[in-house]
Every structure is written in C-alpha cells, then in structure tokens.
Protein backbone atom coordinates (compact mmCIF):
# COMPACT_ATOMS: atom_id res chain seq x y z
CA MET A 1 166.89 40.04 170.53
CA PHE A 2 168.67 36.79 171.25
CA LYS A 3 171.55 35.84 168.94
CA TRP A 4 173.19 32.49 168.69
CA GLY A 5 176.79 32.48 169.77
CA LYS A 6 179.55 30.58 168.10
CA SER A 7 179.55 27.99 170.87
CA TYR A 8 175.91 26.98 170.16
CA SER A 9 174.76 24.90 167.27
CA HIS A 10 171.21 24.15 166.04
CA GLN A 11 171.54 20.57 167.21
CA GLU A 12 172.59 21.65 170.67
CA SER A 13 169.78 24.22 170.95
CA SER A 14 167.12 21.64 170.04
CA GLN A 15 168.01 19.68 173.11
CA ILE A 16 166.83 22.44 175.44
CA ASN A 17 163.79 21.10 177.33
CA TYR A 18 160.76 23.05 178.53
CA HIS A 19 157.45 22.20 180.19
CA CYS A 20 154.15 24.10 180.07
CA ILE A 21 152.18 24.50 183.28
CA CYS A 22 148.54 24.78 182.15
CA PRO A 23 145.65 26.28 184.11
CA ASN A 24 142.71 24.20 185.25
CA HIS A 25 140.80 22.30 182.53
CA ILE A 26 143.56 23.00 179.97
CA SER A 27 145.88 20.21 178.83
CA GLY A 28 148.42 19.33 176.14
CA ASP A 29 152.15 19.86 175.66
CA HIS A 30 151.45 23.44 174.62
CA CYS A 31 148.16 23.87 176.60
CA GLN A 32 146.26 23.54 173.34
CA HIS A 33 143.39 21.34 174.59
CA SER A 34 140.49 22.81 176.55
CA GLN A 35 138.12 20.57 178.49
CA TYR A 36 135.45 23.26 178.27
CA PRO A 37 135.83 25.06 174.90
CA PHE A 38 132.80 27.28 175.61
CA GLY A 39 133.94 28.10 179.12
CA TYR A 40 133.47 26.38 182.44
CA CYS A 41 130.28 28.37 183.04
CA ILE A 42 127.97 28.91 180.07
CA ASN A 43 124.82 30.99 179.43
CA GLY A 44 126.34 34.00 181.12
CA GLY A 45 127.34 32.22 184.35
CA ASN A 46 130.31 33.43 186.42
CA LEU A 47 132.98 31.15 187.86
CA ILE A 48 133.69 31.56 191.56
CA SER A 49 136.28 29.64 193.57
CA PRO A 50 135.46 29.59 197.27
CA PHE A 51 137.92 27.92 199.59
CA ASP A 52 136.91 24.61 201.14
CA ASN A 53 138.31 24.64 204.66
CA LEU A 54 137.32 21.03 205.26
CA ASN A 55 139.31 19.68 202.33
CA ASN A 56 141.78 22.57 202.28
CA LYS A 57 141.31 23.40 198.57
CA LEU A 58 139.51 25.73 196.22
CA ILE A 59 136.10 24.73 194.87
CA GLU A 60 134.97 25.75 191.42
CA GLN A 61 131.34 26.84 191.26
CA CYS A 62 129.20 28.62 188.70
CA LEU A 63 127.04 31.52 189.73
CA CYS A 64 124.21 31.24 187.16
CA THR A 65 122.12 34.03 185.77
CA GLN A 66 118.36 34.01 186.26
CA GLY A 67 116.60 31.31 184.27
CA PHE A 68 119.50 28.81 184.29
CA GLN A 69 120.72 26.14 186.64
CA GLY A 70 123.14 23.19 186.73
CA HIS A 71 126.81 22.65 187.52
CA HIS A 72 127.80 24.65 184.43
CA CYS A 73 124.53 26.64 184.12
CA GLU A 74 123.57 24.37 181.22
CA ASP A 75 119.88 23.85 182.09
CA ASN A 76 117.13 26.30 181.21
CA ILE A 77 114.66 26.34 184.10
CA GLY A 78 111.19 25.31 182.90
CA ASP A 79 108.88 28.29 183.36
CA CYS A 80 105.79 26.56 181.92
CA ILE A 81 105.31 24.13 184.79
CA ASN A 82 101.62 24.10 185.84
CA ILE A 83 100.79 26.83 183.29
CA ARG A 84 97.72 25.70 181.32
CA CYS A 85 96.77 28.81 179.30
CA SER A 86 93.14 28.39 180.41
CA ASN A 87 93.16 25.11 178.41
CA HIS A 88 92.90 27.22 175.24
CA GLY A 89 96.56 27.51 174.22
CA ILE A 90 100.14 26.30 174.58
CA CYS A 91 102.72 27.71 176.97
CA GLN A 92 106.04 28.55 175.30
CA ASP A 93 109.05 28.49 177.60
CA GLY A 94 111.58 31.32 177.44
CA ILE A 95 114.56 32.40 179.54
CA ASN A 96 113.15 33.25 182.95
CA THR A 97 109.83 33.98 181.29
CA TYR A 98 107.02 32.36 179.29
CA SER A 99 104.42 33.33 176.72
CA PHE A 100 101.09 32.00 175.45
CA SER A 101 100.29 30.73 171.98
CA CYS A 102 96.49 30.74 171.86
CA PHE A 103 94.33 28.41 169.78
CA ASP A 104 92.10 29.80 167.02
CA GLY A 105 89.24 31.80 168.46
CA PHE A 106 90.95 32.73 171.76
CA TYR A 107 93.11 35.66 172.83
CA ARG A 108 94.21 37.82 175.80
CA ASN A 109 97.12 37.21 178.20
CA GLN A 110 96.14 33.68 179.19
CA CYS A 111 93.91 32.81 176.20
CA GLU A 112 90.87 33.23 178.40
CA GLN A 113 88.86 35.47 176.05
CA THR A 114 86.78 34.04 173.20
CA ASN A 115 86.85 35.77 169.84
CA ILE A 116 83.26 35.44 168.57
CA GLU A 117 84.09 36.60 165.05
CA ALA A 118 86.98 34.15 164.70
CA MET A 119 84.86 31.30 166.07
CA SER A 120 82.01 32.14 163.67
CA LEU A 121 84.43 32.30 160.76
CA GLN A 122 85.93 28.96 161.76
CA VAL A 123 82.50 27.30 161.99
CA ALA A 124 81.45 28.83 158.67
CA SER A 125 84.62 27.61 156.94
CA LYS A 126 84.10 24.09 158.28
CA SER A 127 80.45 24.14 157.15
CA PHE A 128 81.47 25.38 153.68
CA ALA A 129 84.07 22.62 153.43
CA THR A 130 81.46 20.01 154.40
CA VAL A 131 78.96 21.32 151.83
CA ALA A 132 81.65 21.36 149.15
CA ILE A 133 82.60 17.75 149.89
CA LEU A 134 78.95 16.64 149.78
CA LEU A 135 78.42 18.52 146.51
CA ILE A 136 81.45 16.90 144.89
CA ALA A 137 80.32 13.47 146.11
CA SER A 138 76.80 14.06 144.71
CA ILE A 139 78.15 15.11 141.29
CA ALA A 140 80.41 12.06 141.19
CA GLY A 141 77.43 9.86 142.12
CA LEU A 142 75.32 11.37 139.32
CA PHE A 143 78.04 10.72 136.76
CA PHE A 144 78.38 7.16 138.00
CA ALA A 145 74.61 6.54 137.87
CA SER A 146 74.46 8.07 134.37
CA ASP A 147 77.19 5.73 133.15
CA ILE A 148 75.40 2.70 134.60
CA HIS A 149 72.09 3.75 133.02
CA ALA A 150 73.73 4.24 129.62
CA TYR A 151 75.42 0.87 129.86
CA LEU A 152 72.17 -0.93 130.75
CA THR A 153 70.28 0.87 127.97
CA ARG A 154 72.87 -0.17 125.36
CA LYS A 155 72.78 -3.73 126.64
CA LYS A 156 68.95 -3.85 126.44
CA ARG A 157 68.99 -2.51 122.88
CA LYS A 158 71.54 -5.14 121.85
CA ILE A 159 69.36 -7.92 123.31
CA SER A 160 66.23 -6.55 121.56
CA TYR A 161 68.11 -6.30 118.26
CA ARG A 162 69.32 -9.86 118.53
CA LEU A 163 65.78 -11.10 119.27
CA THR A 164 64.38 -9.42 116.17
CA LYS A 165 66.92 -11.32 114.07
CA LEU A 166 65.89 -14.73 115.43
CA PRO A 167 63.72 -17.04 113.29
CA ARG A 168 60.11 -17.45 114.35
CA ALA A 169 60.63 -20.96 115.71
CA SER A 170 63.59 -19.88 117.82
CA LEU A 171 61.69 -16.85 119.06
CA GLU A 172 58.75 -18.98 120.18
CA ILE A 173 61.08 -21.37 122.01
CA PHE A 174 62.74 -18.40 123.70
CA GLU A 175 59.38 -16.88 124.71
CA ASN A 176 58.19 -20.19 126.15
CA SER A 177 61.45 -20.57 128.08
CA VAL A 178 61.13 -17.07 129.47
CA LEU A 179 57.55 -17.67 130.57
CA LEU A 180 58.50 -21.03 132.07
CA LEU A 181 61.33 -19.55 134.11
CA GLY A 182 59.13 -16.68 135.29
CA PHE A 183 61.03 -13.81 133.66
CA GLY A 184 58.03 -11.91 132.47
CA ASP A 185 59.92 -8.64 132.16
CA ALA A 186 62.46 -9.94 129.64
CA PRO A 187 62.91 -7.71 126.56
CA ILE A 188 60.83 -9.67 124.01
CA ASP A 189 59.76 -8.11 120.77
CA ARG A 190 56.06 -8.89 121.04
CA GLY A 191 55.14 -6.48 118.28
CA ARG A 192 56.60 -8.69 115.58
CA LYS A 193 54.04 -9.59 112.95
CA THR A 194 53.20 -13.24 112.45
CA ARG A 195 52.67 -14.72 109.08
CA THR A 196 49.18 -15.93 108.26
CA THR A 197 48.44 -18.36 105.51
CA THR A 198 45.11 -18.32 103.68
CA LYS A 199 43.84 -21.15 101.63
CA VAL A 200 42.62 -20.28 98.18
CA LYS A 201 39.49 -22.12 97.22
C-alpha cells in the first residue's frame, strides 16, 4: 500500500499527469465512451482482424452467424423472398428460417390443402350474417311503414272531423271546389243529412 511521504503534499500529488490509451472504438479521458455499446459485431457475430498486406494494417471484420449479414451483422436475411404460400397464406420471416400463416380454410406446410369443414362454416357464418342484416332491415322498414300509416290515418281523421264541423254553405263550396280541381278522392263527409223544409198548407 502506497503511503504519502513527508516530502509530498496533496497539492503536489494532484499535479501528477497520466494518459489513458484506449482500445479501438473506445474514447474518453478514462476510456468511458464506447462507439459500439452493444459490441462491434452483433447478433452473435465474431470479430476477426485479418492483416491487410497491401495497406500494412489490420482489418476489422465480422464473421456473422447464419441468417445475418452486414458490416456489423445487423441485417436479418429475408427468407421469405419468392415464397408465396400457395397464394393462400402469408410467409413469416424468421432467423435463417420461415413459417406459413395460412388463411381461414387452408392448412398444411404451404397452405396448399383446403379445409372443407372450415370453408363450409365460413360460408354459413357469412350467410347467417346476411340473413340477420336483411331481417333487421325488414323489421325497421315495417316499423317505419307502420308509423307513416298511423300518421296518415290521424291526419285523415282530423280533416274529416273538421269537415263535419263546417256549415252547410261552406261544405257545399268546398265540395264544388274539390270537384272542380279534380280531387274526387278527398275525404268529404257525404253522409251528412241535409235539411228539408216542408210547406204547411
């Protein structure tokens, strides 16, 4: 263990200089900064340093594991290129492998086999959904038509009631106007009794 002598003071010792020699891709006064915090080679790649005789220096290279490529082994090689899953599914890329995600009604390794039961169930469910939508629309239409019919019936009754309250002269004018305009189907109370006057001799 080092002990300070009498001839050394704290001020004198703080003036002692030092310099850190950092390895490649490491920097800072104390080698605290790393250019590649996850390593020069990632995804399991190994760093090799062959000697370049032409330039008389070492070359840093990554020896990548299967399924990866790139200067630092950062790229996953696409394994789904030109894989179409028999046009019945989606290719899912993995690491040096791929798998199939088949659409409904298809199965097997490349989604080439049709599942008759699943297809029938799918068609039946779609048909049921269509019938249900049509049924709901029909019920809504019936309610709408019923409301319109009730409204027209109430309106016709109001018109008939008002006509029965009219004086005879006004009613005759109204009837003549209706006949003149050609509205023969207008709600006219034709069953109203007319007064007859008899002369007493």
